[in-house]
């Protein structure tokens, strides 16, 4: 298991379109805006062996506001994430090269996701309001554990802030069901063996 200082503790919950708008207005007025993120990602983990609920490793490529990134998350996820994040960014214009490298390493197929995120700092937590274009909304609230901190206490602190904001959070079962719904209704399957080199440049202009 990773050292406590390396662990990200995260809780998620559903938002209606009205709930998203109201929470955004509140955070615009009462929190510090961190960023607006336009992101495309490939989650290769869906095609790893085993059940989604038992997954201990996420392997992803993503591009956020034009910046490509390799992202690996290690640890438990679901109702409350407690995971170590390993990431490295690369130069603009290299996303298709990363995709081709991953294919050469055996990761040819993944789930392709399109996300829009508004991120804020509020009460020592990062709140991300996530839009799945044309489908639905949810939020993520997270804190990073520093050395000596108890991740369970951090999860309780995040939950307390969510309660103050009258936000419902996913149970593990609800979250996995939501992911399955997204995979069926809006996410796509990307297969390098079918799409070939340069797909993201051709489709998205990266």
N, C-alpha and C. Protein backbone atom coordinates (compact mmCIF):
# COMPACT_ATOMS: atom_id res chain seq x y z
N UNK A 1 0.84 -1.19 0.00
CA UNK A 1 0.00 0.00 0.00
C UNK A 1 0.88 1.24 0.00
N UNK A 2 0.43 2.31 -0.66
CA UNK A 2 1.20 3.53 -0.74
C UNK A 2 1.27 4.23 0.61
N UNK A 3 2.29 5.07 0.78
CA UNK A 3 2.36 5.89 1.97
C UNK A 3 1.15 6.81 2.01
N UNK A 4 0.72 7.17 3.25
CA UNK A 4 -0.48 8.00 3.39
C UNK A 4 -0.35 9.31 2.64
N UNK A 5 0.86 9.87 2.58
CA UNK A 5 1.02 11.17 1.95
C UNK A 5 0.78 11.11 0.43
N UNK A 6 0.77 9.89 -0.13
CA UNK A 6 0.58 9.74 -1.56
C UNK A 6 -0.85 9.41 -1.95
N UNK A 7 -1.73 9.31 -0.97
CA UNK A 7 -3.08 8.80 -1.23
C UNK A 7 -4.07 9.95 -1.45
N UNK A 8 -4.84 9.82 -2.52
CA UNK A 8 -5.94 10.74 -2.79
C UNK A 8 -7.23 10.10 -2.29
N UNK A 9 -7.96 10.84 -1.46
CA UNK A 9 -9.23 10.37 -0.93
C UNK A 9 -10.34 11.14 -1.66
N UNK A 10 -11.26 10.39 -2.27
CA UNK A 10 -12.25 11.02 -3.14
C UNK A 10 -13.63 10.40 -2.96
N UNK A 11 -14.63 11.26 -2.96
CA UNK A 11 -16.03 10.85 -2.86
C UNK A 11 -16.78 11.46 -4.04
N UNK A 12 -17.73 10.71 -4.60
CA UNK A 12 -18.51 11.20 -5.73
C UNK A 12 -20.00 11.13 -5.43
N UNK A 13 -20.75 11.92 -6.18
CA UNK A 13 -22.20 11.87 -6.04
C UNK A 13 -22.89 12.38 -7.28
N UNK A 14 -24.15 12.00 -7.48
CA UNK A 14 -24.91 12.41 -8.67
C UNK A 14 -25.40 13.85 -8.57
N UNK A 15 -25.56 14.47 -9.71
CA UNK A 15 -26.16 15.80 -9.79
C UNK A 15 -27.19 15.83 -10.91
N UNK A 16 -28.33 16.44 -10.65
CA UNK A 16 -29.27 16.74 -11.72
C UNK A 16 -28.75 17.98 -12.46
N UNK A 17 -29.34 18.28 -13.59
CA UNK A 17 -28.94 19.50 -14.31
C UNK A 17 -29.18 20.73 -13.44
N UNK A 18 -30.31 20.76 -12.73
CA UNK A 18 -30.59 21.89 -11.83
C UNK A 18 -29.61 21.92 -10.68
N UNK A 19 -29.31 20.75 -10.11
CA UNK A 19 -28.36 20.67 -9.01
C UNK A 19 -26.98 21.11 -9.42
N UNK A 20 -26.57 20.73 -10.63
CA UNK A 20 -25.28 21.18 -11.17
C UNK A 20 -25.22 22.70 -11.25
N UNK A 21 -26.27 23.30 -11.80
CA UNK A 21 -26.29 24.76 -11.97
C UNK A 21 -26.27 25.48 -10.63
N UNK A 22 -27.05 25.00 -9.67
CA UNK A 22 -27.09 25.64 -8.36
C UNK A 22 -25.75 25.51 -7.63
N UNK A 23 -25.14 24.32 -7.70
CA UNK A 23 -23.86 24.13 -7.04
C UNK A 23 -22.78 24.98 -7.69
N UNK A 24 -22.82 25.11 -9.01
CA UNK A 24 -21.83 25.94 -9.70
C UNK A 24 -21.97 27.40 -9.28
N UNK A 25 -23.19 27.89 -9.20
CA UNK A 25 -23.40 29.28 -8.75
C UNK A 25 -22.86 29.47 -7.34
N UNK A 26 -23.15 28.52 -6.45
CA UNK A 26 -22.66 28.62 -5.07
C UNK A 26 -21.14 28.62 -5.02
N UNK A 27 -20.51 27.72 -5.74
CA UNK A 27 -19.05 27.64 -5.70
C UNK A 27 -18.41 28.84 -6.39
N UNK A 28 -19.03 29.34 -7.44
CA UNK A 28 -18.51 30.55 -8.09
C UNK A 28 -18.45 31.71 -7.09
N UNK A 29 -19.42 31.73 -6.18
CA UNK A 29 -19.51 32.84 -5.23
C UNK A 29 -18.72 32.60 -3.94
N UNK A 30 -18.51 31.35 -3.58
CA UNK A 30 -17.97 31.04 -2.25
C UNK A 30 -16.68 30.23 -2.24
N UNK A 31 -16.19 29.84 -3.41
CA UNK A 31 -14.98 29.01 -3.47
C UNK A 31 -13.98 29.64 -4.42
N UNK A 32 -12.79 29.09 -4.42
CA UNK A 32 -11.75 29.55 -5.33
C UNK A 32 -11.77 28.69 -6.59
N UNK A 33 -11.96 29.29 -7.72
CA UNK A 33 -11.98 28.55 -8.98
C UNK A 33 -10.56 28.09 -9.31
N UNK A 34 -10.43 26.82 -9.63
CA UNK A 34 -9.12 26.25 -9.95
C UNK A 34 -8.91 26.18 -11.45
N UNK A 35 -9.90 25.60 -12.16
CA UNK A 35 -9.72 25.42 -13.59
C UNK A 35 -11.02 24.99 -14.25
N UNK A 36 -11.10 25.23 -15.55
CA UNK A 36 -12.09 24.61 -16.41
C UNK A 36 -11.34 23.61 -17.27
N UNK A 37 -11.79 22.36 -17.27
CA UNK A 37 -11.05 21.30 -17.94
C UNK A 37 -11.90 20.67 -19.04
N UNK A 38 -11.38 20.69 -20.24
CA UNK A 38 -11.97 19.96 -21.35
C UNK A 38 -11.10 18.73 -21.57
N UNK A 39 -11.67 17.55 -21.37
CA UNK A 39 -10.84 16.34 -21.31
C UNK A 39 -11.43 15.21 -22.16
N UNK A 40 -10.55 14.55 -22.89
CA UNK A 40 -10.82 13.28 -23.54
C UNK A 40 -9.91 12.26 -22.89
N UNK A 41 -10.44 11.09 -22.53
CA UNK A 41 -9.59 10.07 -21.92
C UNK A 41 -9.91 8.70 -22.48
N UNK A 42 -8.90 7.84 -22.42
CA UNK A 42 -9.07 6.42 -22.73
C UNK A 42 -8.78 5.65 -21.45
N UNK A 43 -9.78 4.92 -20.97
CA UNK A 43 -9.63 4.08 -19.79
C UNK A 43 -9.44 2.64 -20.26
N UNK A 44 -8.20 2.16 -20.15
CA UNK A 44 -7.89 0.80 -20.58
C UNK A 44 -8.29 -0.24 -19.53
N UNK A 45 -8.63 0.21 -18.33
CA UNK A 45 -8.86 -0.71 -17.21
C UNK A 45 -10.08 -1.59 -17.42
N UNK A 46 -11.07 -1.07 -18.14
CA UNK A 46 -12.30 -1.83 -18.36
C UNK A 46 -12.01 -3.18 -19.01
N UNK A 47 -10.94 -3.24 -19.79
CA UNK A 47 -10.63 -4.47 -20.51
C UNK A 47 -9.53 -5.28 -19.83
N UNK A 48 -9.19 -4.92 -18.59
CA UNK A 48 -8.30 -5.75 -17.80
C UNK A 48 -9.09 -6.92 -17.22
N UNK A 49 -8.44 -8.02 -16.86
CA UNK A 49 -9.16 -9.15 -16.27
C UNK A 49 -9.82 -8.77 -14.94
N UNK A 50 -10.93 -9.44 -14.61
CA UNK A 50 -11.58 -9.24 -13.33
C UNK A 50 -12.79 -8.32 -13.40
N UNK A 51 -13.53 -8.30 -12.29
CA UNK A 51 -14.72 -7.47 -12.18
C UNK A 51 -14.35 -6.02 -11.89
N UNK A 52 -15.20 -5.09 -12.36
CA UNK A 52 -14.93 -3.68 -12.15
C UNK A 52 -14.84 -3.35 -10.66
N UNK A 53 -15.72 -3.92 -9.85
CA UNK A 53 -15.74 -3.60 -8.42
C UNK A 53 -14.49 -4.08 -7.69
N UNK A 54 -13.77 -5.02 -8.27
CA UNK A 54 -12.57 -5.56 -7.64
C UNK A 54 -11.30 -4.91 -8.17
N UNK A 55 -11.44 -3.95 -9.05
CA UNK A 55 -10.29 -3.34 -9.71
C UNK A 55 -9.41 -2.60 -8.71
N UNK A 56 -8.12 -2.82 -8.79
CA UNK A 56 -7.14 -2.13 -7.94
C UNK A 56 -6.18 -1.28 -8.77
N UNK A 57 -6.39 -1.26 -10.09
CA UNK A 57 -5.48 -0.54 -10.96
C UNK A 57 -6.26 0.10 -12.09
N UNK A 58 -6.11 1.40 -12.28
CA UNK A 58 -6.64 2.11 -13.43
C UNK A 58 -5.48 2.55 -14.31
N UNK A 59 -5.59 2.28 -15.59
CA UNK A 59 -4.56 2.69 -16.55
C UNK A 59 -5.24 3.55 -17.60
N UNK A 60 -4.78 4.80 -17.72
CA UNK A 60 -5.47 5.73 -18.60
C UNK A 60 -4.48 6.60 -19.37
N UNK A 61 -4.91 7.01 -20.55
CA UNK A 61 -4.32 8.14 -21.25
C UNK A 61 -5.39 9.22 -21.31
N UNK A 62 -4.99 10.46 -21.08
CA UNK A 62 -5.98 11.52 -21.17
C UNK A 62 -5.31 12.79 -21.68
N UNK A 63 -6.13 13.64 -22.26
CA UNK A 63 -5.64 14.93 -22.73
C UNK A 63 -6.58 16.00 -22.20
N UNK A 64 -6.03 16.94 -21.45
CA UNK A 64 -6.81 17.97 -20.76
C UNK A 64 -6.35 19.34 -21.24
N UNK A 65 -7.26 20.06 -21.84
CA UNK A 65 -6.93 21.39 -22.38
C UNK A 65 -5.69 21.33 -23.26
N UNK A 66 -5.59 20.26 -24.04
CA UNK A 66 -4.51 20.11 -25.00
C UNK A 66 -3.23 19.47 -24.48
N UNK A 67 -3.18 19.14 -23.18
CA UNK A 67 -1.97 18.58 -22.58
C UNK A 67 -2.15 17.07 -22.39
N UNK A 68 -1.35 16.25 -23.08
CA UNK A 68 -1.46 14.79 -22.92
C UNK A 68 -0.88 14.34 -21.58
N UNK A 69 -1.42 13.22 -21.07
CA UNK A 69 -0.98 12.73 -19.75
C UNK A 69 -1.16 11.22 -19.68
N UNK A 70 -0.17 10.55 -19.10
CA UNK A 70 -0.29 9.16 -18.71
C UNK A 70 -0.70 9.14 -17.25
N UNK A 71 -1.75 8.37 -16.92
CA UNK A 71 -2.26 8.34 -15.55
C UNK A 71 -2.49 6.89 -15.12
N UNK A 72 -1.91 6.52 -13.98
CA UNK A 72 -2.15 5.22 -13.37
C UNK A 72 -2.61 5.47 -11.94
N UNK A 73 -3.72 4.83 -11.54
CA UNK A 73 -4.23 4.94 -10.19
C UNK A 73 -4.22 3.56 -9.55
N UNK A 74 -3.69 3.48 -8.32
CA UNK A 74 -3.53 2.20 -7.63
C UNK A 74 -4.28 2.24 -6.30
N UNK A 75 -5.14 1.24 -6.07
CA UNK A 75 -5.82 1.16 -4.79
C UNK A 75 -7.32 0.97 -4.93
N UNK A 76 -8.02 1.13 -3.81
CA UNK A 76 -9.46 0.87 -3.74
C UNK A 76 -10.25 2.04 -4.32
N UNK A 77 -11.36 1.70 -4.95
CA UNK A 77 -12.25 2.74 -5.48
C UNK A 77 -13.69 2.27 -5.35
N UNK A 78 -14.61 3.21 -5.53
CA UNK A 78 -16.02 2.90 -5.38
C UNK A 78 -16.73 4.03 -4.68
N UNK A 79 -17.38 3.72 -3.54
CA UNK A 79 -18.06 4.76 -2.77
C UNK A 79 -17.06 5.81 -2.30
N UNK A 80 -15.90 5.35 -1.84
CA UNK A 80 -14.80 6.24 -1.44
C UNK A 80 -13.53 5.72 -2.09
N UNK A 81 -12.89 6.57 -2.86
CA UNK A 81 -11.59 6.20 -3.43
C UNK A 81 -10.49 6.47 -2.42
N UNK A 82 -9.55 5.56 -2.32
CA UNK A 82 -8.32 5.78 -1.56
C UNK A 82 -7.20 5.22 -2.42
N UNK A 83 -6.70 6.06 -3.32
CA UNK A 83 -5.79 5.56 -4.35
C UNK A 83 -4.54 6.43 -4.48
N UNK A 84 -3.46 5.77 -4.84
CA UNK A 84 -2.24 6.47 -5.20
C UNK A 84 -2.30 6.82 -6.68
N UNK A 85 -1.93 8.06 -7.01
CA UNK A 85 -1.94 8.49 -8.39
C UNK A 85 -0.52 8.66 -8.89
N UNK A 86 -0.24 8.10 -10.05
CA UNK A 86 1.04 8.27 -10.73
C UNK A 86 0.75 8.88 -12.09
N UNK A 87 1.35 10.01 -12.40
CA UNK A 87 1.06 10.64 -13.68
C UNK A 87 2.28 11.38 -14.21
N UNK A 88 2.29 11.51 -15.52
CA UNK A 88 3.32 12.32 -16.17
C UNK A 88 2.69 12.94 -17.42
N UNK A 89 2.95 14.20 -17.64
CA UNK A 89 2.45 14.88 -18.84
C UNK A 89 3.52 14.87 -19.92
N UNK A 90 3.07 14.99 -21.15
CA UNK A 90 3.98 15.06 -22.29
C UNK A 90 3.66 16.30 -23.11
N UNK A 91 4.46 16.55 -24.12
CA UNK A 91 4.31 17.76 -24.92
C UNK A 91 3.02 17.76 -25.72
N UNK A 92 2.50 18.94 -25.97
CA UNK A 92 1.33 19.06 -26.82
C UNK A 92 1.61 18.42 -28.18
N UNK A 93 0.59 17.77 -28.74
CA UNK A 93 0.75 17.14 -30.04
C UNK A 93 1.26 15.71 -30.00
N UNK A 94 1.44 15.17 -28.77
CA UNK A 94 1.99 13.81 -28.66
C UNK A 94 0.97 12.77 -28.24
N UNK A 95 -0.30 13.13 -28.16
CA UNK A 95 -1.29 12.18 -27.65
C UNK A 95 -1.39 10.93 -28.52
N UNK A 96 -1.43 11.10 -29.84
CA UNK A 96 -1.51 9.94 -30.72
C UNK A 96 -0.28 9.05 -30.58
N UNK A 97 0.87 9.65 -30.32
CA UNK A 97 2.08 8.85 -30.10
C UNK A 97 1.94 8.01 -28.84
N UNK A 98 1.39 8.59 -27.76
CA UNK A 98 1.14 7.83 -26.54
C UNK A 98 0.19 6.66 -26.81
N UNK A 99 -0.86 6.92 -27.57
CA UNK A 99 -1.83 5.88 -27.89
C UNK A 99 -1.15 4.74 -28.66
N UNK A 100 -0.27 5.08 -29.57
CA UNK A 100 0.43 4.07 -30.35
C UNK A 100 1.42 3.29 -29.48
N UNK A 101 2.09 3.97 -28.56
CA UNK A 101 2.99 3.30 -27.62
C UNK A 101 2.23 2.31 -26.76
N UNK A 102 1.07 2.74 -26.23
CA UNK A 102 0.26 1.84 -25.41
C UNK A 102 -0.19 0.62 -26.22
N UNK A 103 -0.56 0.83 -27.47
CA UNK A 103 -0.97 -0.29 -28.32
C UNK A 103 0.19 -1.27 -28.49
N UNK A 104 1.40 -0.75 -28.68
CA UNK A 104 2.57 -1.61 -28.83
C UNK A 104 2.85 -2.40 -27.56
N UNK A 105 2.44 -1.85 -26.40
CA UNK A 105 2.62 -2.53 -25.12
C UNK A 105 1.48 -3.52 -24.82
N UNK A 106 0.51 -3.59 -25.70
CA UNK A 106 -0.59 -4.54 -25.53
C UNK A 106 -1.91 -3.92 -25.12
N UNK A 107 -1.95 -2.59 -24.92
CA UNK A 107 -3.19 -1.91 -24.55
C UNK A 107 -3.79 -1.28 -25.81
N UNK A 108 -4.55 -2.09 -26.55
CA UNK A 108 -5.14 -1.62 -27.80
C UNK A 108 -6.56 -1.11 -27.62
N UNK A 109 -7.26 -1.65 -26.64
CA UNK A 109 -8.69 -1.35 -26.50
C UNK A 109 -8.97 -0.67 -25.17
N UNK A 110 -9.78 0.39 -25.21
CA UNK A 110 -10.16 1.10 -24.00
C UNK A 110 -11.49 1.78 -24.17
N UNK A 111 -11.99 2.33 -23.07
CA UNK A 111 -13.25 3.10 -23.10
C UNK A 111 -12.91 4.57 -23.31
N UNK A 112 -13.47 5.15 -24.33
CA UNK A 112 -13.22 6.55 -24.69
C UNK A 112 -14.29 7.42 -24.06
N UNK A 113 -13.85 8.42 -23.30
CA UNK A 113 -14.77 9.28 -22.54
C UNK A 113 -14.52 10.75 -22.85
N UNK A 114 -15.59 11.52 -22.89
CA UNK A 114 -15.55 12.96 -23.10
C UNK A 114 -16.11 13.62 -21.85
N UNK A 115 -15.34 14.52 -21.23
CA UNK A 115 -15.75 15.14 -19.98
C UNK A 115 -15.47 16.65 -20.00
N UNK A 116 -16.35 17.40 -19.31
CA UNK A 116 -16.16 18.83 -19.07
C UNK A 116 -16.21 19.04 -17.56
N UNK A 117 -15.22 19.69 -17.01
CA UNK A 117 -15.12 19.80 -15.55
C UNK A 117 -14.85 21.23 -15.11
N UNK A 118 -15.57 21.66 -14.08
CA UNK A 118 -15.29 22.92 -13.39
C UNK A 118 -14.75 22.56 -12.01
N UNK A 119 -13.53 22.99 -11.71
CA UNK A 119 -12.86 22.59 -10.47
C UNK A 119 -12.69 23.79 -9.54
N UNK A 120 -12.93 23.55 -8.24
CA UNK A 120 -12.87 24.59 -7.22
C UNK A 120 -12.16 24.07 -5.97
N UNK A 121 -11.58 24.99 -5.21
CA UNK A 121 -11.13 24.69 -3.85
C UNK A 121 -12.16 25.25 -2.89
N UNK A 122 -12.68 24.38 -2.00
CA UNK A 122 -13.70 24.80 -1.04
C UNK A 122 -13.48 24.03 0.26
N UNK A 123 -13.26 24.76 1.34
CA UNK A 123 -13.07 24.18 2.66
C UNK A 123 -12.02 23.07 2.65
N UNK A 124 -10.87 23.38 2.05
CA UNK A 124 -9.72 22.49 2.01
C UNK A 124 -9.97 21.20 1.23
N UNK A 125 -10.97 21.21 0.39
CA UNK A 125 -11.23 20.08 -0.50
C UNK A 125 -11.34 20.61 -1.93
N UNK A 126 -11.00 19.76 -2.89
CA UNK A 126 -11.22 20.14 -4.28
C UNK A 126 -12.54 19.55 -4.74
N UNK A 127 -13.42 20.42 -5.21
CA UNK A 127 -14.70 20.00 -5.75
C UNK A 127 -14.64 20.13 -7.27
N UNK A 128 -14.97 19.05 -7.96
CA UNK A 128 -15.03 19.05 -9.41
C UNK A 128 -16.45 18.76 -9.85
N UNK A 129 -17.02 19.65 -10.62
CA UNK A 129 -18.36 19.46 -11.18
C UNK A 129 -18.17 18.93 -12.60
N UNK A 130 -18.62 17.72 -12.84
CA UNK A 130 -18.32 17.03 -14.08
C UNK A 130 -19.58 16.91 -14.94
N UNK A 131 -19.46 17.31 -16.19
CA UNK A 131 -20.53 17.16 -17.17
C UNK A 131 -20.14 16.11 -18.19
N UNK A 132 -21.02 15.13 -18.39
CA UNK A 132 -20.88 14.20 -19.50
C UNK A 132 -21.78 14.75 -20.60
N UNK A 133 -21.19 15.38 -21.63
CA UNK A 133 -21.99 16.10 -22.62
C UNK A 133 -23.14 15.28 -23.18
N UNK A 134 -24.34 15.88 -23.12
CA UNK A 134 -25.53 15.24 -23.66
C UNK A 134 -26.09 14.12 -22.82
N UNK A 135 -25.58 13.95 -21.59
CA UNK A 135 -26.03 12.80 -20.79
C UNK A 135 -26.35 13.15 -19.35
N UNK A 136 -25.36 13.50 -18.53
CA UNK A 136 -25.60 13.65 -17.09
C UNK A 136 -24.47 14.43 -16.42
N UNK A 137 -24.61 14.58 -15.10
CA UNK A 137 -23.66 15.33 -14.29
C UNK A 137 -23.37 14.58 -12.99
N UNK A 138 -22.18 14.82 -12.45
CA UNK A 138 -21.86 14.33 -11.11
C UNK A 138 -20.77 15.23 -10.51
N UNK A 139 -20.50 15.04 -9.24
CA UNK A 139 -19.41 15.80 -8.63
C UNK A 139 -18.40 14.84 -8.02
N UNK A 140 -17.18 15.34 -7.87
CA UNK A 140 -16.12 14.66 -7.15
C UNK A 140 -15.59 15.61 -6.09
N UNK A 141 -15.38 15.12 -4.89
CA UNK A 141 -14.79 15.92 -3.81
C UNK A 141 -13.61 15.15 -3.26
N UNK A 142 -12.45 15.78 -3.20
CA UNK A 142 -11.25 15.04 -2.82
C UNK A 142 -10.32 15.85 -1.93
N UNK A 143 -9.55 15.10 -1.15
CA UNK A 143 -8.45 15.64 -0.37
C UNK A 143 -7.25 14.72 -0.54
N UNK A 144 -6.06 15.29 -0.44
CA UNK A 144 -4.84 14.51 -0.50
C UNK A 144 -4.33 14.27 0.91
N UNK A 145 -4.07 13.01 1.23
CA UNK A 145 -3.56 12.67 2.56
C UNK A 145 -2.09 13.06 2.67
N UNK A 146 -1.77 13.80 3.72
CA UNK A 146 -0.38 14.12 4.03
C UNK A 146 0.14 13.10 5.03
N UNK A 147 1.44 13.06 5.17
CA UNK A 147 2.06 12.05 6.03
C UNK A 147 1.48 12.11 7.44
N UNK A 148 1.05 10.96 7.93
CA UNK A 148 0.51 10.87 9.28
C UNK A 148 -0.99 11.05 9.37
N UNK A 149 -1.64 11.45 8.27
CA UNK A 149 -3.08 11.65 8.30
C UNK A 149 -3.82 10.33 8.07
N UNK A 150 -4.94 10.20 8.74
CA UNK A 150 -5.80 9.03 8.61
C UNK A 150 -6.76 9.25 7.44
N UNK A 151 -6.71 8.38 6.43
CA UNK A 151 -7.55 8.57 5.26
C UNK A 151 -9.03 8.43 5.59
N UNK A 152 -9.36 7.63 6.60
CA UNK A 152 -10.77 7.48 6.99
C UNK A 152 -11.31 8.79 7.55
N UNK A 153 -10.47 9.50 8.32
CA UNK A 153 -10.89 10.79 8.86
C UNK A 153 -11.08 11.80 7.73
N UNK A 154 -10.18 11.77 6.75
CA UNK A 154 -10.33 12.67 5.60
C UNK A 154 -11.63 12.39 4.86
N UNK A 155 -11.96 11.11 4.70
CA UNK A 155 -13.23 10.76 4.04
C UNK A 155 -14.41 11.30 4.83
N UNK A 156 -14.34 11.23 6.16
CA UNK A 156 -15.42 11.76 7.00
C UNK A 156 -15.51 13.27 6.86
N UNK A 157 -14.38 13.96 6.76
CA UNK A 157 -14.37 15.41 6.59
C UNK A 157 -15.00 15.80 5.25
N UNK A 158 -14.67 15.06 4.20
CA UNK A 158 -15.26 15.34 2.90
C UNK A 158 -16.76 15.12 2.94
N UNK A 159 -17.17 14.02 3.57
CA UNK A 159 -18.58 13.70 3.66
C UNK A 159 -19.34 14.78 4.43
N UNK A 160 -18.71 15.34 5.48
CA UNK A 160 -19.34 16.40 6.27
C UNK A 160 -19.59 17.64 5.41
N UNK A 161 -18.62 17.99 4.56
CA UNK A 161 -18.80 19.15 3.68
C UNK A 161 -19.91 18.87 2.67
N UNK A 162 -19.94 17.65 2.14
CA UNK A 162 -21.01 17.29 1.21
C UNK A 162 -22.38 17.40 1.88
N UNK A 163 -22.45 16.98 3.13
CA UNK A 163 -23.71 17.06 3.87
C UNK A 163 -24.13 18.51 4.07
N UNK A 164 -23.16 19.39 4.38
CA UNK A 164 -23.45 20.81 4.54
C UNK A 164 -24.04 21.40 3.26
N UNK A 165 -23.59 20.89 2.12
CA UNK A 165 -24.05 21.38 0.83
C UNK A 165 -25.28 20.63 0.32
N UNK A 166 -25.81 19.72 1.17
CA UNK A 166 -26.99 18.92 0.83
C UNK A 166 -26.76 18.08 -0.43
N UNK A 167 -25.56 17.53 -0.54
CA UNK A 167 -25.20 16.69 -1.68
C UNK A 167 -25.30 15.22 -1.31
N UNK A 168 -25.98 14.47 -2.13
CA UNK A 168 -26.02 13.02 -1.95
C UNK A 168 -24.76 12.40 -2.55
N UNK A 169 -24.29 11.32 -1.96
CA UNK A 169 -23.11 10.64 -2.48
C UNK A 169 -23.47 9.23 -2.91
N UNK A 170 -22.69 8.71 -3.85
CA UNK A 170 -22.91 7.35 -4.33
C UNK A 170 -22.52 6.33 -3.27
N UNK A 171 -23.31 5.27 -3.15
CA UNK A 171 -22.80 4.06 -2.52
C UNK A 171 -21.92 3.35 -3.56
N UNK A 172 -21.19 2.34 -3.12
CA UNK A 172 -20.38 1.60 -4.06
C UNK A 172 -21.21 1.02 -5.19
N UNK A 173 -22.34 0.40 -4.84
CA UNK A 173 -23.20 -0.21 -5.84
C UNK A 173 -23.76 0.83 -6.82
N UNK A 174 -24.17 1.98 -6.29
CA UNK A 174 -24.70 3.04 -7.15
C UNK A 174 -23.65 3.57 -8.11
N UNK A 175 -22.41 3.72 -7.61
CA UNK A 175 -21.36 4.24 -8.47
C UNK A 175 -21.03 3.28 -9.60
N UNK A 176 -20.88 2.00 -9.28
CA UNK A 176 -20.58 1.03 -10.32
C UNK A 176 -21.72 0.93 -11.33
N UNK A 177 -22.96 1.03 -10.86
CA UNK A 177 -24.10 1.02 -11.77
C UNK A 177 -24.07 2.24 -12.69
N UNK A 178 -23.67 3.39 -12.15
CA UNK A 178 -23.58 4.61 -12.96
C UNK A 178 -22.51 4.46 -14.04
N UNK A 179 -21.36 3.90 -13.67
CA UNK A 179 -20.30 3.69 -14.65
C UNK A 179 -20.78 2.75 -15.75
N UNK A 180 -21.49 1.70 -15.38
CA UNK A 180 -22.01 0.78 -16.38
C UNK A 180 -23.01 1.47 -17.31
N UNK A 181 -23.83 2.36 -16.74
CA UNK A 181 -24.78 3.12 -17.55
C UNK A 181 -24.05 4.02 -18.54
N UNK A 182 -23.00 4.70 -18.07
CA UNK A 182 -22.22 5.56 -18.96
C UNK A 182 -21.59 4.74 -20.08
N UNK A 183 -21.07 3.57 -19.74
CA UNK A 183 -20.43 2.73 -20.76
C UNK A 183 -21.44 2.26 -21.82
N UNK A 184 -22.68 2.04 -21.40
CA UNK A 184 -23.71 1.58 -22.34
C UNK A 184 -24.28 2.72 -23.17
N UNK A 185 -24.42 3.90 -22.56
CA UNK A 185 -25.22 4.96 -23.19
C UNK A 185 -24.43 6.10 -23.81
N UNK A 186 -23.20 6.35 -23.35
CA UNK A 186 -22.51 7.53 -23.86
C UNK A 186 -21.03 7.30 -24.15
N UNK A 187 -20.33 6.54 -23.33
CA UNK A 187 -18.92 6.27 -23.61
C UNK A 187 -18.79 5.40 -24.86
N UNK A 188 -17.62 5.43 -25.47
CA UNK A 188 -17.36 4.64 -26.67
C UNK A 188 -16.25 3.63 -26.39
N UNK A 189 -16.15 2.63 -27.25
CA UNK A 189 -15.02 1.71 -27.20
C UNK A 189 -14.02 2.14 -28.26
N UNK A 190 -12.80 2.42 -27.83
CA UNK A 190 -11.72 2.75 -28.77
C UNK A 190 -10.86 1.51 -28.97
N UNK A 191 -10.64 1.15 -30.22
CA UNK A 191 -9.83 -0.02 -30.55
C UNK A 191 -8.77 0.42 -31.55
N UNK A 192 -7.52 0.46 -31.10
CA UNK A 192 -6.43 0.93 -31.95
C UNK A 192 -6.28 0.05 -33.19
N UNK A 193 -6.54 -1.25 -33.04
CA UNK A 193 -6.36 -2.15 -34.18
C UNK A 193 -7.32 -1.81 -35.32
N UNK A 194 -8.44 -1.14 -35.01
CA UNK A 194 -9.40 -0.74 -36.03
C UNK A 194 -9.18 0.70 -36.50
N UNK A 195 -8.81 1.59 -35.55
CA UNK A 195 -8.72 3.01 -35.87
C UNK A 195 -7.35 3.41 -36.40
N UNK A 196 -6.28 2.75 -35.96
CA UNK A 196 -4.95 3.02 -36.46
C UNK A 196 -4.34 4.31 -35.95
N UNK A 197 -3.16 4.62 -36.46
CA UNK A 197 -2.40 5.79 -36.02
C UNK A 197 -3.11 7.09 -36.42
N UNK A 198 -2.94 8.11 -35.60
CA UNK A 198 -3.43 9.44 -35.93
C UNK A 198 -4.92 9.65 -35.74
N UNK A 199 -5.60 8.74 -35.05
CA UNK A 199 -7.06 8.84 -34.90
C UNK A 199 -7.48 10.11 -34.19
N UNK A 200 -6.81 10.46 -33.11
CA UNK A 200 -7.24 11.61 -32.30
C UNK A 200 -6.93 12.93 -32.99
N UNK A 201 -5.88 12.96 -33.77
CA UNK A 201 -5.61 14.14 -34.58
C UNK A 201 -6.69 14.31 -35.64
N UNK A 202 -7.08 13.20 -36.26
CA UNK A 202 -8.10 13.27 -37.30
C UNK A 202 -9.46 13.68 -36.71
N UNK A 203 -9.81 13.11 -35.56
CA UNK A 203 -11.15 13.33 -35.02
C UNK A 203 -11.27 14.61 -34.20
N UNK A 204 -10.27 14.87 -33.35
CA UNK A 204 -10.37 15.98 -32.40
C UNK A 204 -9.40 17.13 -32.68
N UNK A 205 -8.44 16.89 -33.56
CA UNK A 205 -7.47 17.94 -33.88
C UNK A 205 -6.33 18.05 -32.89
N UNK A 206 -6.15 17.03 -32.03
CA UNK A 206 -5.06 17.07 -31.05
C UNK A 206 -3.70 17.00 -31.74
